[in-house]
């Protein structure tokens, strides 16, 4: 069918032979022909919903991300989508100028010749998914920042990554990537994203606290520019500012008729750091002793509470005496099945209060912690009335 010799009358005659009621047809008819330059193997069809079509029509882009070992994902500026191949029994025809039925209504009857450039039984579809971010921490750990004096040390010759590098390697949108960098407390130094050594960050934080105390500044009104501009600062300005942002929040305040930016130290974040400092590398810690030591280690005026340990530590209430251990959510697998397997391997039964901080980040869109537990766990009630969850499948 490479020619275009069929007339309108011949086309209508074929419709009659197919026992179609011509009164149900539009006056104009599209006659399809296979192009001599078929491109079946060069074209991939992608199904998009109306919101994604509007996204493209507005001049925005879709980016395919992932390296050779990854399953491809598609990203907008703020969301990530799985790219899946779907088969259909129907033939999908690609025509550059195919008209919709409403475009054929009215006018004199005519025959429109349309060439088909591709026939496919496979198309790609997008399904919104969680960004794949676990790899980010692994990459940034190749060259952790421990201070400017160690940058030339042979232990710090690992690869460093720019924003462009991370976009090409991490399967996440720009917004999701930047948010994860913030959660990891990564700092942008000389064009590269770097994780900061935990102990070094603690030294910077303690220096800020000591400076604030020396200057008699309140923790909720630290004058940002004054602190960063002090001539005798022993840490780089970029690290001081980064530490202020990690453990505090920016705020504009009125002073003597003028607005000034200040940082408000977060009690929860600061106390959380000191708790993690005490727990890292210790194994199990007597809970009563830990709580007392922790209380004494935080800045004067700040109050510790167990909620500050969510997603950082686990308390074993069954042991005598009770103990606490370091168990950060950032060390857990990204895949939901693997995450639950790891959790139930660590502890056979979990209360909702204990497990929620470790699975909350797995929730997608309108999904809740409860629906996740329904899928991966089985609920039961202990003799004392406490509701607990254990694994639905054998733990590996």
Protein backbone atom coordinates (compact mmCIF):
# COMPACT_ATOMS: atom_id res chain seq x y z
CA UNK A 1 0.00 0.00 0.00
CA UNK A 2 2.72 2.44 -0.89
CA UNK A 3 0.68 4.31 -3.53
CA UNK A 4 -2.06 6.89 -3.08
CA UNK A 5 -4.35 5.95 -5.96
CA UNK A 6 -7.47 5.20 -3.95
CA UNK A 7 -10.28 7.67 -4.58
CA UNK A 8 -12.95 8.89 -2.17
CA UNK A 9 -15.56 6.79 -3.96
CA UNK A 10 -13.39 3.69 -3.66
CA UNK A 11 -12.90 4.39 0.02
CA UNK A 12 -16.63 4.77 0.64
CA UNK A 13 -17.24 1.57 -1.31
CA UNK A 14 -14.86 -0.27 1.00
CA UNK A 15 -16.78 1.14 3.98
CA UNK A 16 -20.03 -0.22 2.56
CA UNK A 17 -18.44 -3.64 2.03
CA UNK A 18 -17.44 -3.53 5.70
CA UNK A 19 -21.16 -2.93 6.44
CA UNK A 20 -20.56 0.48 7.95
CA UNK A 21 -23.43 2.98 7.97
CA UNK A 22 -22.13 5.88 5.88
CA UNK A 23 -24.45 8.31 7.69
CA UNK A 24 -22.42 7.68 10.85
CA UNK A 25 -19.21 8.72 9.10
CA UNK A 26 -17.79 12.21 8.66
CA UNK A 27 -17.93 13.64 5.17
CA UNK A 28 -14.13 13.78 5.00
CA UNK A 29 -12.20 10.54 5.16
CA UNK A 30 -8.60 9.81 6.12
CA UNK A 31 -6.97 7.07 4.09
CA UNK A 32 -3.88 5.58 5.73
CA UNK A 33 -0.83 4.33 3.83
CA UNK A 34 2.39 2.80 5.02
CA UNK A 35 5.32 5.09 4.38
CA UNK A 36 8.18 3.68 2.30
CA UNK A 37 10.47 5.01 5.08
CA UNK A 38 9.03 3.18 8.09
CA UNK A 39 10.86 3.96 11.35
CA UNK A 40 9.52 1.25 13.66
CA UNK A 41 12.91 0.68 15.31
CA UNK A 42 13.81 4.36 15.61
CA UNK A 43 10.73 5.64 17.45
CA UNK A 44 9.50 5.00 21.00
CA UNK A 45 5.98 6.05 21.99
CA UNK A 46 5.54 7.63 25.41
CA UNK A 47 2.16 7.92 27.15
CA UNK A 48 1.69 11.15 29.12
CA UNK A 49 -1.17 12.41 31.26
CA UNK A 50 -2.65 15.87 30.72
CA UNK A 51 -0.52 17.49 33.44
CA UNK A 52 2.68 16.19 31.84
CA UNK A 53 1.56 17.38 28.40
CA UNK A 54 0.96 20.86 29.83
CA UNK A 55 4.41 20.69 31.43
CA UNK A 56 6.01 20.14 28.01
CA UNK A 57 3.78 22.63 26.20
CA UNK A 58 4.94 25.27 28.70
CA UNK A 59 8.49 24.79 27.39
CA UNK A 60 9.73 22.62 30.25
CA UNK A 61 11.88 19.53 29.82
CA UNK A 62 11.85 15.87 30.80
CA UNK A 63 15.21 14.38 31.73
CA UNK A 64 16.08 10.68 31.54
CA UNK A 65 18.50 9.88 34.35
CA UNK A 66 20.60 6.94 35.49
CA UNK A 67 23.84 5.21 34.56
CA UNK A 68 24.25 1.98 32.59
CA UNK A 69 23.46 -0.25 35.57
CA UNK A 70 20.22 1.57 36.50
CA UNK A 71 16.66 1.20 35.27
CA UNK A 72 15.88 4.52 33.59
CA UNK A 73 13.74 7.14 35.30
CA UNK A 74 12.30 10.39 33.95
CA UNK A 75 12.52 13.60 35.98
CA UNK A 76 10.81 16.96 35.91
CA UNK A 77 12.14 19.82 38.01
CA UNK A 78 10.50 18.43 41.16
CA UNK A 79 9.36 14.82 40.58
CA UNK A 80 10.71 11.42 39.53
CA UNK A 81 8.90 8.81 37.43
CA UNK A 82 9.59 5.17 36.65
CA UNK A 83 9.85 4.52 32.92
CA UNK A 84 8.14 1.22 32.11
CA UNK A 85 7.64 -0.61 28.83
CA UNK A 86 4.06 -1.83 28.24
CA UNK A 87 2.79 -4.13 25.50
CA UNK A 88 -0.60 -3.85 23.82
CA UNK A 89 -2.42 -6.16 21.41
CA UNK A 90 -3.60 -3.14 19.43
CA UNK A 91 -1.45 -1.60 16.73
CA UNK A 92 -0.30 1.90 17.61
CA UNK A 93 0.12 4.01 14.47
CA UNK A 94 2.26 7.14 14.32
CA UNK A 95 1.01 9.76 11.85
CA UNK A 96 2.49 13.27 11.75
CA UNK A 97 -0.82 14.96 10.86
CA UNK A 98 -3.64 12.65 11.88
CA UNK A 99 -6.85 14.59 12.51
CA UNK A 100 -9.27 13.99 15.35
CA UNK A 101 -12.95 13.26 14.46
CA UNK A 102 -14.09 16.76 15.47
CA UNK A 103 -11.63 18.22 12.94
CA UNK A 104 -13.34 16.35 10.10
CA UNK A 105 -16.90 17.59 10.69
CA UNK A 106 -18.51 19.83 8.05
CA UNK A 107 -17.29 20.93 4.65
CA UNK A 108 -17.35 19.08 1.36
CA UNK A 109 -16.44 15.44 1.41
CA UNK A 110 -12.80 14.83 0.60
CA UNK A 111 -10.17 12.14 0.92
CA UNK A 112 -7.13 12.94 3.06
CA UNK A 113 -4.05 10.81 2.42
CA UNK A 114 -2.04 10.13 5.59
CA UNK A 115 1.24 8.24 5.76
CA UNK A 116 1.98 5.93 8.68
CA UNK A 117 5.63 6.24 9.74
CA UNK A 118 5.62 3.79 12.64
CA UNK A 119 3.63 0.79 13.84
CA UNK A 120 4.24 -0.35 17.40
CA UNK A 121 2.77 -2.76 19.93
CA UNK A 122 4.90 -1.37 22.75
CA UNK A 123 4.81 2.01 24.47
CA UNK A 124 6.46 3.61 27.47
CA UNK A 125 4.48 4.85 30.44
CA UNK A 126 5.43 6.97 33.45
CA UNK A 127 4.58 6.16 37.05
CA UNK A 128 5.53 8.57 39.82
CA UNK A 129 8.01 7.01 42.22
CA UNK A 130 10.33 7.84 45.07
CA UNK A 131 13.69 9.21 43.95
CA UNK A 132 16.61 6.78 44.17
CA UNK A 133 18.92 8.67 46.51
CA UNK A 134 20.88 6.06 48.47
CA UNK A 135 23.69 6.22 45.93
CA UNK A 136 24.22 9.91 46.72
CA UNK A 137 25.59 9.24 50.20
CA UNK A 138 27.90 6.53 48.85
CA UNK A 139 29.34 8.87 46.21
CA UNK A 140 29.91 11.75 48.62
CA UNK A 141 31.66 9.48 51.10
CA UNK A 142 34.49 9.05 48.58
CA UNK A 143 35.96 12.37 49.70
CA UNK A 144 34.68 13.67 53.04
CA UNK A 145 35.70 17.18 54.11
CA UNK A 146 37.70 17.09 57.36
CA UNK A 147 39.18 20.59 57.24
CA UNK A 148 41.12 22.74 54.75
CA UNK A 149 44.46 21.62 56.21
CA UNK A 150 43.78 18.02 55.10
CA UNK A 151 42.66 18.70 51.53
CA UNK A 152 46.06 17.71 50.08
CA UNK A 153 46.34 14.60 52.27
CA UNK A 154 46.57 11.31 50.36
CA UNK A 155 43.46 10.09 52.20
CA UNK A 156 41.45 12.84 50.51
CA UNK A 157 42.17 12.11 46.86
CA UNK A 158 38.79 10.49 46.19
CA UNK A 159 36.54 11.89 43.51
CA UNK A 160 34.56 15.05 44.21
CA UNK A 161 31.22 15.75 42.52
CA UNK A 162 29.70 18.87 41.02
CA UNK A 163 25.95 19.47 40.73
CA UNK A 164 26.15 18.45 37.06
CA UNK A 165 27.93 15.22 37.99
CA UNK A 166 25.24 14.35 40.52
CA UNK A 167 22.44 15.08 38.06
CA UNK A 168 23.92 12.53 35.67
CA UNK A 169 24.42 9.86 38.36
CA UNK A 170 21.51 10.26 40.78
CA UNK A 171 17.99 9.31 39.74
CA UNK A 172 16.13 12.25 41.21
CA UNK A 173 14.74 15.61 40.18
CA UNK A 174 16.71 18.75 40.94
CA UNK A 175 14.41 19.64 43.84
CA UNK A 176 14.63 16.13 45.32
CA UNK A 177 18.41 16.05 44.90
CA UNK A 178 18.93 19.39 46.64
CA UNK A 179 16.59 18.35 49.46
CA UNK A 180 18.57 15.15 50.03
CA UNK A 181 21.85 17.09 50.01
CA UNK A 182 20.34 19.28 52.72
CA UNK A 183 19.31 16.22 54.78
CA UNK A 184 22.83 14.80 54.46
CA UNK A 185 24.21 18.18 55.57
CA UNK A 186 26.39 18.34 52.45
CA UNK A 187 28.18 21.63 51.83
CA UNK A 188 29.06 23.25 48.49
CA UNK A 189 32.80 24.06 48.57
CA UNK A 190 34.76 25.33 45.55
CA UNK A 191 32.12 24.02 43.15
CA UNK A 192 31.85 20.53 44.70
CA UNK A 193 29.36 18.92 47.06
CA UNK A 194 31.06 17.46 50.14
CA UNK A 195 29.94 15.58 53.21
CA UNK A 196 31.48 17.07 56.35
CA UNK A 197 33.23 14.78 58.82
CA UNK A 198 30.96 14.24 61.84
CA UNK A 199 33.61 15.17 64.42
CA UNK A 200 34.76 18.20 62.41
CA UNK A 201 31.17 19.45 62.19
CA UNK A 202 30.88 19.00 65.95
CA UNK A 203 33.99 21.10 66.48
CA UNK A 204 32.51 23.87 64.33
CA UNK A 205 29.22 23.68 66.22
CA UNK A 206 30.97 23.82 69.59
CA UNK A 207 33.03 26.81 68.40
CA UNK A 208 29.83 28.62 67.42
CA UNK A 209 28.24 27.86 70.80
CA UNK A 210 31.35 29.03 72.66
CA UNK A 211 31.48 32.22 70.58
CA UNK A 212 27.80 32.93 71.18
CA UNK A 213 28.26 32.42 74.93
CA UNK A 214 31.37 34.63 74.95
CA UNK A 215 29.51 37.42 73.16
CA UNK A 216 26.44 36.96 75.41
CA UNK A 217 24.20 36.52 72.37
CA UNK A 218 20.94 34.63 72.93
CA UNK A 219 20.70 31.33 71.04
CA UNK A 220 17.58 32.57 69.26
CA UNK A 221 19.16 35.85 68.10
CA UNK A 222 22.65 35.10 66.79
CA UNK A 223 23.66 37.99 64.48
CA UNK A 224 24.76 36.10 61.38
CA UNK A 225 26.99 38.73 59.77
CA UNK A 226 28.72 39.63 63.02
CA UNK A 227 29.59 36.03 63.80
CA UNK A 228 30.76 35.25 60.26
CA UNK A 229 32.75 38.48 60.04
CA UNK A 230 34.78 38.09 63.23
CA UNK A 231 38.48 38.45 62.41
CA UNK A 232 39.66 35.75 64.80
CA UNK A 233 37.40 32.97 63.49
CA UNK A 234 39.35 29.70 63.32
CA UNK A 235 37.06 27.98 60.82
CA UNK A 236 36.32 28.89 57.18
CA UNK A 237 33.35 31.21 56.71
CA UNK A 238 31.60 28.72 54.40
CA UNK A 239 31.73 26.03 57.13
CA UNK A 240 30.54 28.39 59.85
CA UNK A 241 27.58 29.50 57.74
CA UNK A 242 26.85 25.90 56.75
CA UNK A 243 26.86 24.79 60.39
CA UNK A 244 24.51 27.63 61.34
CA UNK A 245 22.11 26.51 58.60
CA UNK A 246 22.33 22.84 59.66
CA UNK A 247 21.65 23.49 63.33
CA UNK A 248 19.61 26.66 63.11
CA UNK A 249 17.18 28.65 61.00
CA UNK A 250 17.53 32.04 59.33
CA UNK A 251 15.24 34.81 60.47
CA UNK A 252 14.93 38.55 59.85
CA UNK A 253 14.56 40.70 62.97
CA UNK A 254 14.15 44.42 63.57
CA UNK A 255 16.94 46.10 65.55
CA UNK A 256 17.08 49.85 66.19
CA UNK A 257 14.78 50.54 63.28
CA UNK A 258 16.59 48.30 60.79
CA UNK A 259 16.19 44.68 59.72
CA UNK A 260 19.03 42.26 60.43
CA UNK A 261 19.41 38.58 59.65
CA UNK A 262 19.89 36.32 62.64
CA UNK A 263 20.15 32.57 63.16
CA UNK A 264 17.97 30.78 65.69
CA UNK A 265 19.67 27.64 66.99
CA UNK A 266 17.33 24.63 66.94
CA UNK A 267 17.24 22.98 70.35
CA UNK A 268 16.15 19.66 68.82
CA UNK A 269 18.91 19.60 66.18
CA UNK A 270 21.67 20.70 68.56
CA UNK A 271 20.63 18.21 71.25
CA UNK A 272 20.29 15.54 68.55
CA UNK A 273 23.91 16.09 67.49
CA UNK A 274 25.25 15.68 71.03
CA UNK A 275 23.16 12.51 71.47
CA UNK A 276 24.58 11.02 68.29
CA UNK A 277 28.09 12.05 69.32
CA UNK A 278 27.72 10.05 72.55
CA UNK A 279 26.19 7.01 70.83
CA UNK A 280 28.41 6.63 67.73
CA UNK A 281 30.77 3.69 68.01
CA UNK A 282 29.77 2.84 71.58
CA UNK A 283 27.41 -0.06 70.91
CA UNK A 284 24.85 -0.31 73.71
CA UNK A 285 24.69 2.39 76.37
CA UNK A 286 22.94 2.12 79.74
CA UNK A 287 19.87 4.31 79.18
CA UNK A 288 19.86 6.03 82.56
CA UNK A 289 23.57 6.84 82.31
CA UNK A 290 23.17 8.05 78.74
CA UNK A 291 20.29 10.38 79.60
CA UNK A 292 22.31 11.95 82.41
CA UNK A 293 25.47 12.32 80.31
CA UNK A 294 23.48 13.71 77.39
CA UNK A 295 21.73 16.25 79.62
CA UNK A 296 25.10 17.47 80.92
CA UNK A 297 26.68 17.71 77.44
CA UNK A 298 24.23 20.07 75.74
CA UNK A 299 24.50 23.89 75.92
CA UNK A 300 23.21 25.52 79.10
CA UNK A 301 19.54 26.34 78.74
CA UNK A 302 18.75 23.60 76.24
CA UNK A 303 16.55 20.67 77.27
CA UNK A 304 16.92 17.10 76.04
CA UNK A 305 13.99 14.78 75.33
CA UNK A 306 13.59 11.34 73.76
CA UNK A 307 11.74 12.70 70.70
CA UNK A 308 15.05 14.25 69.61
CA UNK A 309 16.34 10.69 69.10
CA UNK A 310 13.72 9.68 66.50
CA UNK A 311 15.40 7.98 63.56
CA UNK A 312 18.75 8.08 65.36
CA UNK A 313 18.64 5.60 68.25
CA UNK A 314 16.72 2.59 69.58
CA UNK A 315 15.83 1.93 73.19
CA UNK A 316 15.59 -1.68 74.35
CA UNK A 317 12.93 -1.54 77.04
CA UNK A 318 13.00 -5.31 77.64
CA UNK A 319 16.58 -5.44 78.86
CA UNK A 320 17.45 -4.89 82.51
CA UNK A 321 18.69 -2.26 82.84
CA UNK A 322 17.27 -0.60 79.73
CA UNK A 323 19.85 0.23 77.06
CA UNK A 324 20.05 2.56 74.06
CA UNK A 325 22.01 2.07 70.83
CA UNK A 326 22.85 4.09 67.73
CA UNK A 327 20.52 3.11 64.86
CA UNK A 328 20.30 5.89 62.21
CA UNK A 329 17.65 5.71 59.49
CA UNK A 330 20.25 6.95 56.99
CA UNK A 331 22.03 3.58 57.23
CA UNK A 332 18.95 1.58 56.20
CA UNK A 333 18.24 0.23 52.68
CA UNK A 334 16.27 2.41 50.27
CA UNK A 335 14.08 -0.41 48.93
CA UNK A 336 10.94 -0.95 51.03
CA UNK A 337 11.18 -4.76 51.17
CA UNK A 338 14.85 -4.64 52.13
CA UNK A 339 14.14 -1.91 54.69
CA UNK A 340 11.46 -3.95 56.47
CA UNK A 341 13.63 -7.07 56.36
CA UNK A 342 16.45 -5.14 58.03
CA UNK A 343 14.12 -3.70 60.66
CA UNK A 344 12.59 -7.05 61.58
CA UNK A 345 16.04 -8.63 61.63
CA UNK A 346 17.06 -5.99 64.17
CA UNK A 347 13.93 -6.33 66.27
CA UNK A 348 11.23 -9.00 65.90
CA UNK A 349 8.32 -6.86 67.11
CA UNK A 350 7.89 -3.11 66.79
CA UNK A 351 5.39 -0.66 68.22
CA UNK A 352 3.96 1.96 65.86
CA UNK A 353 5.79 4.69 67.78
CA UNK A 354 9.17 2.98 67.42
CA UNK A 355 8.95 1.94 63.76
CA UNK A 356 7.36 5.08 62.28
CA UNK A 357 10.58 7.18 62.12
CA UNK A 358 12.26 4.36 60.19
CA UNK A 359 9.63 3.96 57.45
CA UNK A 360 8.05 7.40 57.13
CA UNK A 361 10.36 8.36 54.25
CA UNK A 362 9.16 5.31 52.26
CA UNK A 363 5.63 6.68 51.90
CA UNK A 364 4.76 7.68 48.34
CA UNK A 365 2.28 10.46 47.49
CA UNK A 366 -0.88 9.77 49.58
CA UNK A 367 0.52 6.61 51.17
CA UNK A 368 0.60 6.47 54.97
CA UNK A 369 2.70 4.64 57.53
CA UNK A 370 -0.38 2.55 58.29
CA UNK A 371 -0.78 1.38 54.68
CA UNK A 372 2.91 0.48 54.52
CA UNK A 373 2.59 -1.62 57.65
CA UNK A 374 -0.50 -3.34 56.23
CA UNK A 375 1.55 -4.39 53.22
CA UNK A 376 4.75 -5.50 54.94
CA UNK A 377 3.78 -6.35 58.53
CA UNK A 378 1.27 -8.27 60.62
CA UNK A 379 -0.29 -6.71 63.72
CA UNK A 380 -0.80 -8.47 67.04
CA UNK A 381 -1.51 -7.49 70.62
CA UNK A 382 0.72 -8.35 73.58
CA UNK A 383 -0.75 -9.53 76.91
CA UNK A 384 -0.35 -6.02 78.34
CA UNK A 385 -2.49 -4.59 75.51
CA UNK A 386 0.39 -3.12 73.47
CA UNK A 387 -0.12 -3.36 69.71
CA UNK A 388 2.99 -4.54 67.87
CA UNK A 389 4.01 -5.40 64.30
CA UNK A 390 6.10 -8.29 63.03
CA UNK A 391 7.13 -9.38 59.53
CA UNK A 392 4.62 -10.92 57.11
CA UNK A 393 7.35 -12.97 55.45
CA UNK A 394 10.32 -14.93 56.78
CA UNK A 395 13.19 -12.62 57.70
CA UNK A 396 16.34 -13.21 55.67
